[in-house]
Protein backbone atom coordinates (compact mmCIF):
# COMPACT_ATOMS: atom_id res chain seq x y z
CA MET A 1 140.90 112.10 119.63
CA GLU A 2 141.00 111.33 115.91
CA TYR A 3 144.66 112.31 115.64
CA LEU A 4 145.80 110.62 118.85
CA PRO A 5 147.58 107.71 117.08
CA SER A 6 149.38 110.16 114.79
CA LEU A 7 150.63 112.16 117.77
CA GLN A 8 151.98 109.08 119.49
CA SER A 9 153.54 107.61 116.33
CA GLN A 10 154.76 110.50 114.22
CA VAL A 11 156.79 108.30 111.87
CA ASP A 12 153.87 106.12 110.67
CA ASP A 13 151.63 108.42 108.65
CA LEU A 14 149.82 105.53 106.97
CA LYS A 15 148.25 104.21 110.16
CA PRO A 16 144.51 105.06 110.17
CA SER A 17 142.87 106.29 113.33
CA LEU A 18 140.44 104.16 115.28
CA PHE A 19 137.58 106.48 114.41
CA GLU A 20 138.20 105.97 110.70
CA LEU A 21 138.06 102.22 111.25
CA LEU A 22 134.84 102.50 113.27
CA SER A 23 133.26 104.63 110.54
CA GLU A 24 134.20 102.00 107.97
CA GLN A 25 132.67 99.27 110.13
CA GLN A 26 129.43 101.24 110.50
CA LEU A 27 129.21 101.69 106.74
CA ALA A 28 129.78 97.97 106.22
CA ALA A 29 127.09 97.19 108.81
CA LEU A 30 124.58 99.39 106.95
CA LEU A 31 124.91 97.49 103.67
CA PRO A 32 122.89 94.32 104.56
CA PRO A 33 119.80 96.09 105.98
CA SER A 34 119.86 98.65 103.15
CA ILE A 35 119.92 96.01 100.42
CA ARG A 36 117.35 93.89 102.28
CA TYR A 37 115.01 96.89 102.58
CA LEU A 38 115.28 97.74 98.88
CA LEU A 39 114.81 94.08 98.00
CA ALA A 40 111.71 93.84 100.19
CA ILE A 41 110.16 96.85 98.43
CA SER A 42 110.94 95.36 95.01
CA THR A 43 109.51 92.00 96.10
CA HIS A 44 106.05 93.56 96.46
CA ARG A 45 106.19 94.34 92.74
CA TYR A 46 107.79 91.12 91.51
CA PRO A 47 107.09 88.48 94.19
CA ARG A 48 107.38 85.56 91.82
CA TYR A 49 111.04 86.20 91.09
CA LEU A 50 112.33 88.02 94.18
CA LEU A 51 110.55 86.21 97.02
CA PRO A 52 112.94 83.19 96.99
CA VAL A 53 115.88 85.61 97.04
CA LEU A 54 114.40 87.52 99.98
CA ASN A 55 113.77 84.29 101.94
CA SER A 56 117.42 83.28 101.50
CA PHE A 57 118.85 86.78 101.75
CA ASP A 58 121.73 85.97 104.10
CA GLU A 59 123.10 83.22 101.88
CA VAL A 60 122.64 85.20 98.65
CA TYR A 61 124.20 88.31 100.19
CA ALA A 62 127.18 86.31 101.48
CA LEU A 63 127.74 84.77 98.03
CA VAL A 64 127.54 88.13 96.25
CA MET A 65 129.82 89.82 98.77
CA LEU A 66 132.29 86.96 98.41
CA LEU A 67 132.66 87.82 94.73
CA VAL A 68 132.70 91.57 95.30
CA GLU A 69 135.17 91.53 98.18
CA ARG A 70 137.49 89.13 96.37
CA HIS A 71 137.61 91.51 93.42
CA PHE A 72 138.33 94.51 95.66
CA LEU A 73 140.99 92.66 97.65
CA ARG A 74 142.81 91.57 94.51
CA THR A 75 142.46 94.91 92.69
CA TYR A 76 142.46 97.58 95.40
CA GLY A 77 144.05 95.70 98.29
CA GLY A 78 141.09 96.21 100.63
CA SER A 79 137.38 95.60 101.02
CA PHE A 80 134.76 97.76 99.34
CA THR A 81 134.07 99.95 102.35
CA GLU A 82 137.78 100.20 103.20
CA ASN A 83 138.53 101.42 99.68
CA PHE A 84 135.65 103.89 100.07
CA TYR A 85 137.57 105.42 103.02
CA GLY A 86 140.96 105.22 101.28
CA MET A 87 142.32 102.24 103.23
CA LYS A 88 143.76 98.86 102.35
CA ARG A 89 144.82 95.59 104.00
CA ALA A 90 148.50 94.68 104.27
CA ARG A 91 150.45 91.68 105.51
CA VAL A 92 152.45 92.12 108.68
CA LEU A 93 156.09 91.48 107.86
CA ARG A 94 158.04 89.07 109.97
CA THR A 95 160.56 91.67 111.01
CA LYS A 96 161.25 93.30 114.32
CA GLY A 97 158.10 95.20 115.18
CA GLY A 98 156.52 94.16 111.88
CA GLU A 99 157.41 97.47 110.22
CA ILE A 100 160.16 99.02 108.08
CA PRO A 101 159.52 102.77 108.46
CA ARG A 102 162.71 103.97 106.77
CA ALA A 103 162.13 101.82 103.69
CA GLN A 104 158.53 103.10 103.65
CA LEU A 105 159.87 106.60 103.06
CA GLY A 106 162.58 105.75 100.54
CA ALA A 107 161.20 102.76 98.63
CA SER A 108 157.44 102.78 98.92
CA ASP A 109 157.01 100.62 95.79
CA SER A 110 159.19 97.86 97.22
CA VAL A 111 157.43 98.00 100.57
CA ARG A 112 154.04 97.80 98.85
CA ASP A 113 155.09 94.69 96.98
CA ALA A 114 156.40 93.18 100.22
CA VAL A 115 153.20 93.74 102.22
CA LYS A 116 150.81 92.98 99.37
CA LEU A 117 148.24 90.31 100.13
CA ARG A 118 149.01 86.93 98.68
CA ASN A 119 146.39 84.52 97.43
CA SER A 120 146.23 82.71 100.78
CA ASP A 121 145.90 86.05 102.60
CA VAL A 122 143.00 87.01 100.34
CA TRP A 123 141.05 83.90 101.32
CA LYS A 124 141.83 84.40 105.00
CA ASN A 125 140.52 87.94 104.84
CA LEU A 126 137.44 86.75 102.96
CA ALA A 127 136.75 84.31 105.78
CA VAL A 128 136.93 87.19 108.29
CA MET A 129 134.93 89.67 106.19
CA VAL A 130 132.22 87.40 104.76
CA ALA A 131 132.04 84.04 106.53
CA LEU A 132 132.38 85.36 110.10
CA PRO A 133 129.59 88.03 109.83
CA TRP A 134 127.31 85.47 108.13
CA LEU A 135 127.92 82.96 110.94
CA LYS A 136 127.34 85.68 113.55
CA ARG A 137 124.01 86.68 111.99
CA LYS A 138 122.87 83.06 111.84
CA LEU A 139 123.79 82.41 115.48
CA ASP A 140 122.05 85.58 116.64
CA GLU A 141 118.93 84.65 114.70
CA SER A 142 118.92 81.10 116.07
CA TYR A 143 119.44 82.38 119.60
CA ASP A 144 116.44 84.70 119.26
CA ILE A 145 114.31 81.78 118.05
CA HIS A 146 115.39 78.96 120.35
CA ALA A 147 116.94 80.43 123.48
CA ALA A 148 116.10 84.11 123.95
CA HIS A 149 113.03 83.43 126.16
CA SER A 150 114.33 80.42 128.01
CA ASP A 151 114.62 82.31 131.30
CA ILE A 152 111.12 83.74 130.99
CA LEU A 153 109.41 80.46 130.14
CA GLY A 154 111.29 78.54 132.82
CA SER A 155 113.68 75.65 132.75
CA GLY A 156 110.90 73.08 133.20
CA TYR A 157 109.17 74.21 130.03
CA ASN A 158 112.44 74.07 128.08
CA ARG A 159 113.25 70.58 129.30
CA GLU A 160 109.82 69.37 128.29
CA ARG A 161 109.88 71.06 124.89
CA ASP A 162 113.51 70.37 123.92
CA ALA A 163 113.90 66.96 125.53
CA LEU A 164 115.61 64.38 123.37
CA PRO A 165 112.98 61.77 122.44
CA PRO A 166 113.89 58.09 122.77
CA GLY A 167 115.27 56.62 119.58
CA ALA A 168 116.08 60.03 118.19
CA SER A 169 117.64 60.31 114.75
CA MET A 170 121.02 61.90 114.05
CA LYS A 171 119.33 65.12 112.89
CA GLN A 172 117.35 65.37 116.12
CA ARG A 173 120.48 64.77 118.17
CA LEU A 174 122.37 67.48 116.33
CA MET A 175 119.46 69.88 116.82
CA PHE A 176 119.31 69.00 120.52
CA PHE A 177 123.01 69.77 121.08
CA TYR A 178 122.74 72.91 118.92
CA LYS A 179 119.95 74.30 121.14
CA TRP A 180 121.93 73.34 124.23
CA PHE A 181 124.90 75.25 122.83
CA LEU A 182 122.72 78.31 122.18
CA ARG A 183 121.32 78.29 125.71
CA LYS A 184 124.44 77.43 127.69
CA VAL A 185 127.52 78.37 125.70
CA TYR A 186 126.67 80.99 123.11
CA PRO A 187 125.92 83.86 125.56
CA SER A 188 129.46 83.50 126.97
CA VAL A 189 130.96 83.24 123.48
CA ASN A 190 129.06 86.34 122.38
CA ALA A 191 130.25 88.28 125.45
CA ALA A 192 133.86 87.19 124.84
CA TYR A 193 133.55 88.28 121.19
CA TYR A 194 132.54 91.84 122.05
CA PHE A 195 134.95 92.05 124.98
CA SER A 196 137.90 91.06 122.75
CA LEU A 197 136.87 93.72 120.23
CA LEU A 198 136.80 96.32 122.99
CA VAL A 199 140.25 95.30 124.26
CA PHE A 200 141.85 95.44 120.81
CA ASN A 201 140.17 98.76 120.03
CA MET A 202 141.50 100.33 123.21
CA ALA A 203 144.97 98.91 122.59
CA TYR A 204 144.92 100.24 119.03
CA LEU A 205 143.70 103.65 120.20
CA PHE A 206 146.67 104.09 122.57
CA ASP A 207 149.16 102.61 120.05
CA GLY A 208 149.60 99.43 122.00
CA SER A 209 148.72 97.16 119.09
CA LYS A 210 148.90 97.19 115.31
CA TYR A 211 145.54 95.37 115.07
CA HIS A 212 142.15 96.80 115.92
CA SER A 213 140.50 93.38 115.74
CA PRO A 214 141.49 90.01 117.22
CA PHE A 215 140.63 88.28 113.94
CA LEU A 216 143.08 90.42 111.96
CA TRP A 217 145.71 89.52 114.56
CA MET A 218 144.97 85.84 113.99
CA ILE A 219 145.47 86.07 110.20
CA GLY A 220 148.39 88.52 110.39
CA THR A 221 146.75 91.42 108.53
CA ARG A 222 146.52 95.10 109.43
CA ILE A 223 144.67 98.11 108.01
CA ARG A 224 146.72 100.86 106.35
CA ARG A 225 146.04 104.07 104.46
CA LEU A 226 146.54 104.13 100.72
CA GLY A 227 149.77 105.83 99.69
CA PRO A 228 150.97 107.31 96.38
CA ALA A 229 152.40 103.96 95.28
CA ASP A 230 149.04 102.30 95.96
CA TYR A 231 147.12 104.82 93.86
CA GLN A 232 149.55 104.37 90.97
CA ALA A 233 149.20 100.59 91.15
CA ILE A 234 145.39 100.86 91.33
CA GLU A 235 145.31 103.13 88.29
CA ILE A 236 147.34 100.63 86.30
CA ALA A 237 145.22 97.70 87.50
CA THR A 238 141.91 99.39 86.61
CA GLN A 239 142.86 100.28 83.05
CA PRO A 240 140.70 98.57 80.39
CA ALA A 241 142.16 95.22 79.48
CA LYS A 242 143.08 94.61 75.88
CA ILE A 243 141.12 91.77 74.41
CA LEU A 244 143.47 89.58 72.43
CA PRO A 245 142.30 87.86 69.24
CA GLY A 246 140.41 84.70 69.97
CA ARG A 247 141.36 81.23 68.96
CA PRO A 248 140.22 79.90 65.61
CA GLY A 249 136.52 79.21 65.75
CA GLU A 250 135.93 81.38 68.84
CA GLY A 251 133.48 84.15 68.21
CA GLY A 252 133.94 87.74 69.36
CA SER A 253 130.54 88.00 71.01
CA LEU A 254 130.10 90.23 74.03
CA PHE A 255 128.56 87.32 75.96
CA SER A 256 131.45 84.93 75.41
CA PRO A 257 133.13 83.80 78.65
CA ARG A 258 136.45 85.27 77.57
CA VAL A 259 135.06 88.74 76.94
CA MET A 260 132.91 88.64 80.08
CA ALA A 261 135.89 87.72 82.27
CA ARG A 262 138.25 90.36 80.87
CA ALA A 263 136.03 93.32 79.97
CA VAL A 264 132.53 93.15 81.44
CA GLY A 265 133.40 91.57 84.81
CA PRO A 266 135.83 94.24 86.07
CA LYS A 267 133.50 97.05 84.98
CA LEU A 268 130.56 95.43 86.74
CA MET A 269 132.54 95.00 89.95
CA GLY A 270 133.87 98.53 89.73
CA SER A 271 130.33 99.88 89.45
CA MET A 272 129.69 98.60 92.98
CA ARG A 273 131.64 101.59 94.25
CA ILE A 274 128.68 103.71 93.12
CA LEU A 275 125.76 101.31 93.52
CA LEU A 276 126.36 100.22 97.11
CA PRO A 277 126.70 103.73 98.63
CA THR A 278 123.68 104.76 96.59
CA SER A 279 121.65 101.98 98.21
CA ILE A 280 122.49 103.37 101.66
CA PHE A 281 121.45 106.88 100.69
CA ALA A 282 118.28 105.46 99.12
CA LEU A 283 117.48 103.67 102.39
CA LYS A 284 117.91 106.84 104.42
CA PHE A 285 115.77 108.79 101.96
CA LEU A 286 112.98 106.20 102.09
CA GLU A 287 113.10 106.18 105.90
CA TRP A 288 112.77 109.97 105.92
CA TRP A 289 110.01 109.88 103.29
CA HIS A 290 107.86 107.43 105.28
CA ALA A 291 108.59 109.01 108.67
CA SER A 292 108.05 112.67 107.72
CA ASP A 293 104.73 114.39 107.13
CA PHE A 294 105.89 115.75 103.77
CA ALA A 295 104.70 112.71 101.82
CA ARG A 296 101.24 112.78 103.42
CA GLN A 297 100.87 116.50 102.77
CA LEU A 298 101.93 116.04 99.16
CA SER A 299 99.40 113.24 98.67
CA ARG A 300 96.68 115.28 100.35
CA ARG A 301 97.34 118.30 98.13
CA ALA A 302 97.33 116.15 95.03
CA ALA A 303 93.97 114.65 96.01
CA GLU A 304 92.33 118.00 96.81
CA ASN A 305 91.73 118.76 93.14
CA ILE A 306 90.24 115.36 92.42
CA GLU A 307 86.45 115.35 92.66
CA LEU A 308 85.05 111.86 92.99
CA PRO A 309 81.34 111.26 92.36
CA PRO A 310 79.29 109.90 95.28
CA PRO A 311 78.70 106.13 95.27
CA VAL A 312 75.51 104.91 93.62
CA LEU A 313 73.76 102.31 95.74
CA PRO A 314 70.93 100.19 94.36
CA ASN A 315 69.14 100.13 97.72
CA LEU A 316 69.28 103.92 98.16
CA LEU A 317 66.71 105.25 95.71
CA SER A 318 67.16 108.75 94.41
CA ARG A 319 64.19 111.01 94.99
CA PRO A 320 62.93 113.45 92.34
CA PRO A 321 62.86 117.14 93.15
CA LYS A 322 59.68 118.07 94.99
CA GLN A 323 57.78 121.30 95.09
CA SER A 324 58.62 123.29 98.20
CA LYS A 325 55.97 124.29 100.68
CA THR A 326 56.43 127.93 99.78
CA GLU A 327 55.53 127.29 96.14
CA ALA A 328 52.52 125.22 97.24
CA GLY A 329 51.21 128.09 99.33
CA GLU A 330 52.00 126.52 102.67
CA LYS A 331 53.94 128.05 105.48
CA PRO A 332 57.64 127.13 105.29
CA ALA A 333 59.15 125.09 108.07
CA SER A 334 61.54 127.89 108.98
CA GLU A 335 58.50 129.99 109.96
CA LYS A 336 56.80 127.15 111.83
CA ARG A 337 59.54 126.71 114.41
CA PRO A 338 62.75 128.58 115.14
CA GLY A 339 66.04 126.89 114.43
CA SER A 340 64.99 124.89 111.38
CA SER A 341 67.27 124.91 108.37
CA SER A 342 67.16 123.59 104.81
CA SER A 343 70.54 121.94 105.42
CA ASP A 344 68.83 119.58 107.88
CA LYS A 345 66.85 118.01 105.07
CA GLN A 346 69.92 117.73 102.91
CA LYS A 347 71.75 115.83 105.63
CA ARG A 348 68.81 113.45 106.00
CA ILE A 349 68.37 112.99 102.27
CA ASP A 350 72.07 112.27 101.71
CA PRO A 351 73.16 110.35 104.82
CA PRO A 352 76.80 109.28 105.31
CA ILE A 353 77.77 105.97 103.76
CA SER A 354 79.59 103.24 105.69
CA SER A 355 82.98 102.38 104.18
CA LYS A 356 82.63 98.72 105.20
CA THR A 357 79.02 97.81 104.43
CA LEU A 358 78.36 100.63 101.89
CA LEU A 359 75.01 101.23 103.59
CA PRO A 360 73.58 104.62 104.61
CA ILE A 361 73.89 105.46 108.29
CA LEU A 362 71.08 106.89 110.41
CA THR A 363 72.06 110.33 111.75
CA VAL A 364 70.33 113.31 113.31
CA ALA A 365 70.25 116.92 112.16
CA HIS A 366 73.30 119.09 112.64
CA PRO A 367 72.64 121.59 115.47
CA ILE A 368 72.59 125.34 114.77
CA PRO A 369 73.65 128.07 117.21
CA GLU A 370 70.02 128.99 118.07
CA THR A 371 69.38 125.45 119.33
CA SER A 372 72.72 124.77 120.98
CA HIS A 373 70.99 124.23 124.34
CA LEU A 374 68.94 121.35 122.91
CA CYS A 375 70.09 117.75 122.57
CA PRO A 376 70.43 116.87 118.85
CA ILE A 377 68.94 113.43 119.49
CA CYS A 378 65.88 114.10 121.66
CA SER A 379 65.50 117.87 120.86
CA GLN A 380 64.99 118.58 124.56
CA PRO A 381 67.16 120.74 126.87
CA ILE A 382 70.41 118.88 127.50
CA VAL A 383 70.50 116.94 130.76
CA THR A 384 73.95 115.92 132.06
CA PRO A 385 75.94 117.32 129.08
CA THR A 386 78.23 114.69 127.59
CA ALA A 387 80.67 115.19 124.71
CA SER A 388 81.58 112.57 122.15
CA PRO A 389 85.08 112.37 120.58
CA THR A 390 83.75 114.39 117.61
CA GLY A 391 83.08 117.39 119.90
CA PHE A 392 79.28 117.45 119.84
CA VAL A 393 77.37 117.58 123.15
CA TYR A 394 74.32 115.44 123.93
CA CYS A 395 72.33 114.24 126.89
CA TYR A 396 74.25 111.50 128.62
CA THR A 397 71.45 108.95 128.36
CA CYS A 398 70.78 109.79 124.70
CA ILE A 399 74.34 109.46 123.42
CA HIS A 400 75.06 106.46 125.65
CA ARG A 401 72.04 104.55 124.33
CA TRP A 402 72.75 105.74 120.77
CA VAL A 403 76.29 104.38 120.81
CA GLU A 404 75.00 101.11 122.25
CA GLY A 405 72.36 101.01 119.53
CA THR A 406 69.37 100.80 121.93
CA HIS A 407 67.89 104.28 121.57
CA ASP A 408 64.14 104.34 120.90
CA ARG A 409 64.69 106.42 117.79
CA GLN A 410 67.11 103.87 116.36
CA VAL A 411 64.93 100.89 117.23
CA ALA A 412 61.81 102.46 115.72
CA PHE A 413 63.65 103.45 112.56
CA MET A 414 65.22 100.04 111.99
CA GLU A 415 61.88 98.30 112.64
CA GLY A 416 60.34 100.53 109.97
CA SER A 417 57.45 101.78 112.08
CA ALA A 418 55.87 105.03 111.00
CA GLY A 419 56.30 106.55 114.44
CA PHE A 420 60.04 106.26 114.70
CA LYS A 421 60.37 109.99 115.47
CA SER A 422 60.94 111.17 118.97
CA GLY A 423 57.62 113.05 119.04
CA SER A 424 59.14 116.52 119.42
CA PRO A 425 58.15 119.44 117.19
CA GLU A 426 61.67 119.31 115.79
CA ASP A 427 60.78 116.18 113.83
CA GLU A 428 57.75 117.49 112.00
CA ASP A 429 59.82 118.27 108.88
CA GLU A 430 60.96 114.68 108.62
CA GLU A 431 57.66 113.88 106.96
CA ASP A 432 59.13 115.40 103.79
CA ASP A 433 61.81 112.70 103.58
CA ASP A 434 61.04 109.72 101.37
CA TRP A 435 62.94 107.31 103.54
CA SER A 436 61.06 108.44 106.64
CA LYS A 437 57.78 107.29 105.07
CA GLU A 438 59.07 103.83 104.19
CA GLU A 439 57.55 101.07 106.27
CA GLY A 440 58.94 97.65 106.96
CA SER A 441 62.20 96.52 108.44
CA ARG A 442 65.29 98.40 107.27
CA GLU A 443 67.71 95.68 108.37
CA GLY A 444 70.27 95.12 105.64
CA ARG A 445 69.41 98.42 103.95
CA TRP A 446 70.49 100.88 106.65
CA GLU A 447 72.86 101.06 109.61
CA SER A 448 71.30 102.16 112.88
CA GLY A 449 74.31 104.22 113.90
CA LYS A 450 75.41 101.79 116.60
CA GLY A 451 78.94 102.57 117.71
CA ARG A 452 78.92 105.87 115.81
CA ASP A 453 78.41 109.54 116.52
CA ALA A 454 74.80 110.59 116.18
CA ILE A 455 75.49 113.65 113.98
CA THR A 456 78.57 112.85 111.90
CA GLY A 457 78.11 109.07 111.71
CA ARG A 458 81.81 108.54 112.43
CA ARG A 459 82.78 105.41 114.28
CA ILE A 460 83.61 105.98 117.97
CA LEU A 461 86.60 103.86 118.92
CA GLY A 462 86.27 102.64 122.48
CA GLY A 463 82.48 102.77 122.61
CA THR A 464 80.79 104.43 125.54
CA GLU A 465 84.01 104.50 127.54
CA VAL A 466 85.33 107.48 125.57
CA LEU A 467 82.28 109.65 126.31
CA ARG A 468 83.25 112.56 128.58
CA ARG A 469 80.96 114.61 130.80
CA VAL A 470 81.09 118.38 130.23
CA VAL A 471 81.49 120.41 133.39
CA VAL A 472 79.64 123.70 132.94
């Protein structure tokens, strides 16, 4: 399909295919969001200077592209993206058919001079390339703000909200008619715009028209491929300009207007051929970087070797090392009851810390395989096994009341009563914990574990609704 126009018109080798033109249009459409995205990222670093530019991005972008496109039209004969694809813009001659194919083969230099854009053609093309897309973006944005939800909200709501108040000023009247235009007329204008583009594209594809756009037909301009004569003229035009001696009293500074206009300006505009495509590739790379898992894995691996000290809380007193029961001649807890472990004390001594309140969280001992049939909260055989999102299994009533924060063990602990334990033999070792002997209310110094898992202390999103019964 790409070579269909060349097969139908074998004489005109400089006519680009429709798919080349569509690729150029897609590249031109990627420039505004790419630059806006890079500008938004830079604004987070320098908001004082770049925030006004970001708020008026459409106007600033249109002004910059006006300068860039004017330079490319005058120097290369086409827009930036068209020159990137090796194309140019040419006037349609007022001859039969608008073409002189034989002269194109024998006198390409003369034909190039004949179809070269004049100063008036440059401004017409600038209006189509810069002003028209800017106006289209503004109308689309205004339609989304003022008229996109008019059918959903109802006509009565719109009449009440957008009604013209009595004694309205000229600005209010203009705004009233502008909103009416957006609601009533602009959808039809927008549909006609895209339908005309489709008609001209199909006519251009089957060699029925020299224009792929109705706006180029209106200004009498067509898109052509660059030929040998064009490349020779571009090479001559892009050669460094010789700076003539200045007038008496005029300095030779690099920042003088004369030097800037003749030497620095063309080089700066020419650098856009590298900077603008680079911005598109940078946008695609940033999108891939934030969407892929590679960045997260890289950050995780970099943080694995970093050991951060635990937080020091003034309300969580550190306890000095105590003499174990074995050294004191007493029977160790592991011999008193099966299933006890020294890691249980460690988990109670160093409870998890809340990331929001920075307070220790009340948790229960981590179960061991020998006591997997017991509920970690009440230390009794599990009744109606229920699993939390963390994977641990409890009695349904225990974990339900724990998540709600109404379990007897939580209430007794937060009240600071000495008998906050559940009364089971499992809790006899808790007498060795300093914080278990503290009396008085623990409000403001501890979290009761409400809304969290009883073992890990992790927050359970969804509350009791995410608890699932285990079918044995």
